Amino acid sequence: MRSRMKIKPIYLIGPRGAGKSTIARLLGARLEQPFFDQDHIFESRYGSIPALFKRRTRSWIVNCLAQTLDEVEPGDIVAVSGSSLLDEGTINVKRCAQVRRGTVILLLPGGDHKKNIEILYRRERARKSYVADKDTSSRNYHDRLPIYQSLANHVVHSAEKPEMTVDRIVRVLSRHRRI
């Protein structure tokens, strides 16, 4: 087991397809800290999220996701599921308070909103994500962006290469004495 730095958890939030899982893994390796992909942990316990949306209520899924956030420890780098920050379309105060105890980084593509939606939608389609169409993707982006912005300590725009995005995050964290 690696020794953990004495830092608060680092939470990466943002829209689906923003690169949270990839960046969390790379940032964890860079800082020699464990990374925690909330969606992967959830799916290993309960099954595929798209399949569960057909069998379970959104509240059940949000509550199970919340349990995974309860397991976060100091030093963890967390790729946060967007659904854990929402509860039936409103902010889940308990989850937001939990996220606030750490450093929260909003990860976004590097363009304007229209370009960001196009980039995220292309990534979702390439991954055969469960977003039905571009309108749904756009609506999710616009509905959730103010929530993400209200939680974030810092906003980092993705670079062309994931390693460059990690460099940006490390600079932000160092500048604000978070690492």
Protein backbone atom coordinates (compact mmCIF):
# COMPACT_ATOMS: atom_id res chain seq x y z
CA MET A 1 0.00 0.00 0.00
CA ARG A 2 1.33 3.41 -0.94
CA SER A 3 1.75 6.08 1.67
CA ARG A 4 -0.66 8.92 1.10
CA MET A 5 0.28 12.57 0.92
CA LYS A 6 -1.33 14.70 3.60
CA ILE A 7 -3.77 16.33 1.24
CA LYS A 8 -7.52 16.50 1.06
CA PRO A 9 -9.16 14.36 -1.60
CA ILE A 10 -9.11 15.80 -5.10
CA TYR A 11 -12.45 15.51 -6.90
CA LEU A 12 -12.72 15.83 -10.68
CA ILE A 13 -16.20 16.83 -11.75
CA GLY A 14 -17.63 17.73 -15.12
CA PRO A 15 -19.78 16.49 -17.95
CA ARG A 16 -19.69 12.93 -19.26
CA GLY A 17 -16.89 12.64 -21.80
CA ALA A 18 -14.76 15.41 -20.27
CA GLY A 19 -11.97 12.93 -19.46
CA LYS A 20 -12.44 12.69 -15.68
CA SER A 21 -11.53 8.99 -15.45
CA THR A 22 -8.45 9.27 -17.66
CA ILE A 23 -7.22 12.42 -15.92
CA ALA A 24 -7.88 10.97 -12.42
CA ARG A 25 -5.84 7.88 -13.28
CA LEU A 26 -2.95 9.94 -14.69
CA LEU A 27 -3.06 12.48 -11.84
CA GLY A 28 -3.05 9.64 -9.29
CA ALA A 29 0.05 8.17 -10.97
CA ARG A 30 1.76 11.58 -11.09
CA LEU A 31 1.09 12.30 -7.40
CA GLU A 32 1.55 8.65 -6.38
CA GLN A 33 -1.92 8.63 -4.88
CA PRO A 34 -4.78 6.18 -5.38
CA PHE A 35 -7.41 7.09 -7.93
CA PHE A 36 -11.07 6.25 -7.54
CA ASP A 37 -13.44 6.12 -10.51
CA GLN A 38 -16.88 6.40 -8.97
CA ASP A 39 -18.73 5.02 -12.00
CA HIS A 40 -16.41 1.98 -12.21
CA ILE A 41 -16.75 1.24 -8.48
CA PHE A 42 -20.52 1.59 -8.76
CA GLU A 43 -20.74 -0.64 -11.84
CA SER A 44 -18.52 -3.33 -10.28
CA ARG A 45 -21.00 -3.55 -7.40
CA TYR A 46 -24.36 -3.05 -9.08
CA GLY A 47 -23.96 -3.52 -12.83
CA SER A 48 -24.15 -1.30 -15.87
CA ILE A 49 -25.52 2.18 -15.23
CA PRO A 50 -27.53 2.26 -18.51
CA ALA A 51 -29.11 -1.11 -17.66
CA LEU A 52 -29.88 0.01 -14.10
CA PHE A 53 -31.70 3.10 -15.36
CA LYS A 54 -34.14 0.67 -17.00
CA ARG A 55 -34.68 -1.38 -13.80
CA ARG A 56 -34.16 1.03 -10.90
CA THR A 57 -35.21 4.54 -9.95
CA ARG A 58 -32.86 7.48 -10.31
CA SER A 59 -33.06 7.96 -6.52
CA TRP A 60 -31.83 4.41 -5.91
CA ILE A 61 -28.88 4.97 -8.28
CA VAL A 62 -28.02 8.33 -6.67
CA ASN A 63 -28.13 6.82 -3.18
CA CYS A 64 -25.84 3.93 -4.18
CA LEU A 65 -23.43 6.37 -5.81
CA ALA A 66 -23.49 8.43 -2.61
CA GLN A 67 -22.31 5.39 -0.65
CA THR A 68 -19.19 5.19 -2.82
CA LEU A 69 -18.33 8.84 -2.02
CA ASP A 70 -18.54 7.96 1.67
CA GLU A 71 -15.51 5.69 1.13
CA VAL A 72 -13.17 8.43 -0.12
CA GLU A 73 -10.07 8.94 2.02
CA PRO A 74 -7.51 11.76 2.26
CA GLY A 75 -5.22 11.72 -0.75
CA ASP A 76 -7.68 9.96 -3.07
CA ILE A 77 -8.07 11.31 -6.58
CA VAL A 78 -11.75 10.87 -7.51
CA ALA A 79 -13.48 10.91 -10.89
CA VAL A 80 -16.97 11.85 -9.70
CA SER A 81 -20.11 10.60 -11.44
CA GLY A 82 -22.35 13.50 -12.44
CA SER A 83 -25.36 11.65 -11.06
CA SER A 84 -23.94 11.70 -7.54
CA LEU A 85 -24.21 15.49 -7.51
CA LEU A 86 -27.85 15.51 -8.53
CA ASP A 87 -30.97 14.11 -6.94
CA GLU A 88 -34.12 14.13 -9.05
CA GLY A 89 -32.84 17.24 -10.83
CA THR A 90 -31.82 19.19 -7.72
CA ILE A 91 -28.56 19.49 -5.83
CA ASN A 92 -28.10 16.74 -3.27
CA VAL A 93 -26.86 18.88 -0.38
CA LYS A 94 -25.27 16.03 1.53
CA ARG A 95 -23.21 14.96 -1.50
CA CYS A 96 -22.18 18.52 -2.31
CA ALA A 97 -21.04 19.06 1.29
CA GLN A 98 -18.99 15.89 1.07
CA VAL A 99 -17.37 17.00 -2.15
CA ARG A 100 -16.60 20.42 -0.64
CA ARG A 101 -14.30 18.83 1.97
CA GLY A 102 -11.80 18.19 -0.78
CA THR A 103 -10.38 20.17 -3.66
CA VAL A 104 -12.91 20.22 -6.48
CA ILE A 105 -11.71 20.65 -10.04
CA LEU A 106 -14.18 21.19 -12.86
CA LEU A 107 -12.81 19.59 -16.02
CA LEU A 108 -14.13 21.03 -19.28
CA PRO A 109 -13.09 20.88 -22.93
CA GLY A 110 -11.28 24.04 -23.98
CA GLY A 111 -13.88 25.76 -26.15
CA ASP A 112 -17.03 27.82 -25.94
CA HIS A 113 -20.24 26.12 -24.81
CA LYS A 114 -21.39 25.16 -28.30
CA LYS A 115 -18.00 23.69 -29.18
CA ASN A 116 -17.81 21.90 -25.79
CA ILE A 117 -21.19 20.26 -26.39
CA GLU A 118 -20.06 19.07 -29.82
CA ILE A 119 -16.79 17.65 -28.40
CA LEU A 120 -18.57 15.91 -25.51
CA TYR A 121 -21.29 14.50 -27.76
CA ARG A 122 -18.69 13.07 -30.18
CA ARG A 123 -16.86 11.43 -27.25
CA GLU A 124 -20.11 9.98 -25.88
CA ARG A 125 -21.01 8.51 -29.27
CA ALA A 126 -17.50 7.07 -29.71
CA ARG A 127 -17.85 5.34 -26.33
CA LYS A 128 -21.39 4.20 -27.25
CA SER A 129 -22.62 6.11 -24.24
CA TYR A 130 -26.25 6.02 -23.16
CA VAL A 131 -27.02 9.62 -24.15
CA ALA A 132 -29.77 9.37 -26.73
CA ASP A 133 -29.06 12.39 -28.93
CA LYS A 134 -27.32 15.74 -29.24
CA ASP A 135 -30.29 17.63 -27.74
CA THR A 136 -30.16 15.47 -24.59
CA SER A 137 -26.42 15.98 -24.37
CA SER A 138 -26.83 19.75 -24.77
CA ARG A 139 -29.62 19.90 -22.19
CA ASN A 140 -27.55 17.89 -19.66
CA TYR A 141 -24.55 20.16 -20.22
CA HIS A 142 -26.56 23.37 -19.72
CA ASP A 143 -28.52 22.02 -16.74
CA ARG A 144 -25.47 20.71 -14.89
CA LEU A 145 -22.85 23.35 -15.71
CA PRO A 146 -24.07 25.87 -13.08
CA ILE A 147 -24.06 23.09 -10.46
CA TYR A 148 -20.51 22.07 -11.39
CA GLN A 149 -19.38 25.71 -11.36
CA SER A 150 -20.89 26.29 -7.91
CA LEU A 151 -18.97 23.32 -6.49
CA ALA A 152 -15.61 23.87 -8.17
CA ASN A 153 -12.63 25.39 -6.42
CA HIS A 154 -10.89 25.51 -9.82
CA VAL A 155 -11.80 25.12 -13.49
CA VAL A 156 -9.29 23.42 -15.79
CA HIS A 157 -9.78 23.21 -19.53
CA SER A 158 -8.59 20.03 -21.22
CA ALA A 159 -5.49 20.20 -23.36
CA GLU A 160 -5.00 18.18 -26.54
CA LYS A 161 -3.12 15.49 -24.64
CA PRO A 162 -4.29 14.17 -21.26
CA GLU A 163 -0.77 14.51 -19.82
CA MET A 164 -0.87 18.24 -20.57
CA THR A 165 -4.18 18.50 -18.71
CA VAL A 166 -2.57 16.78 -15.72
CA ASP A 167 0.28 19.32 -15.90
CA ARG A 168 -2.30 22.13 -15.75
CA ILE A 169 -4.00 20.58 -12.72
CA VAL A 170 -0.70 20.08 -10.89
CA ARG A 171 0.21 23.73 -11.52
CA VAL A 172 -3.18 24.87 -10.17
CA LEU A 173 -2.90 22.64 -7.10
CA SER A 174 0.69 23.76 -6.42
CA ARG A 175 -0.15 27.43 -6.87
CA HIS A 176 -2.97 27.14 -4.33
CA ARG A 177 -0.92 24.98 -1.93
CA ARG A 178 -3.24 22.00 -2.32
CA ILE A 179 -0.32 19.61 -2.87
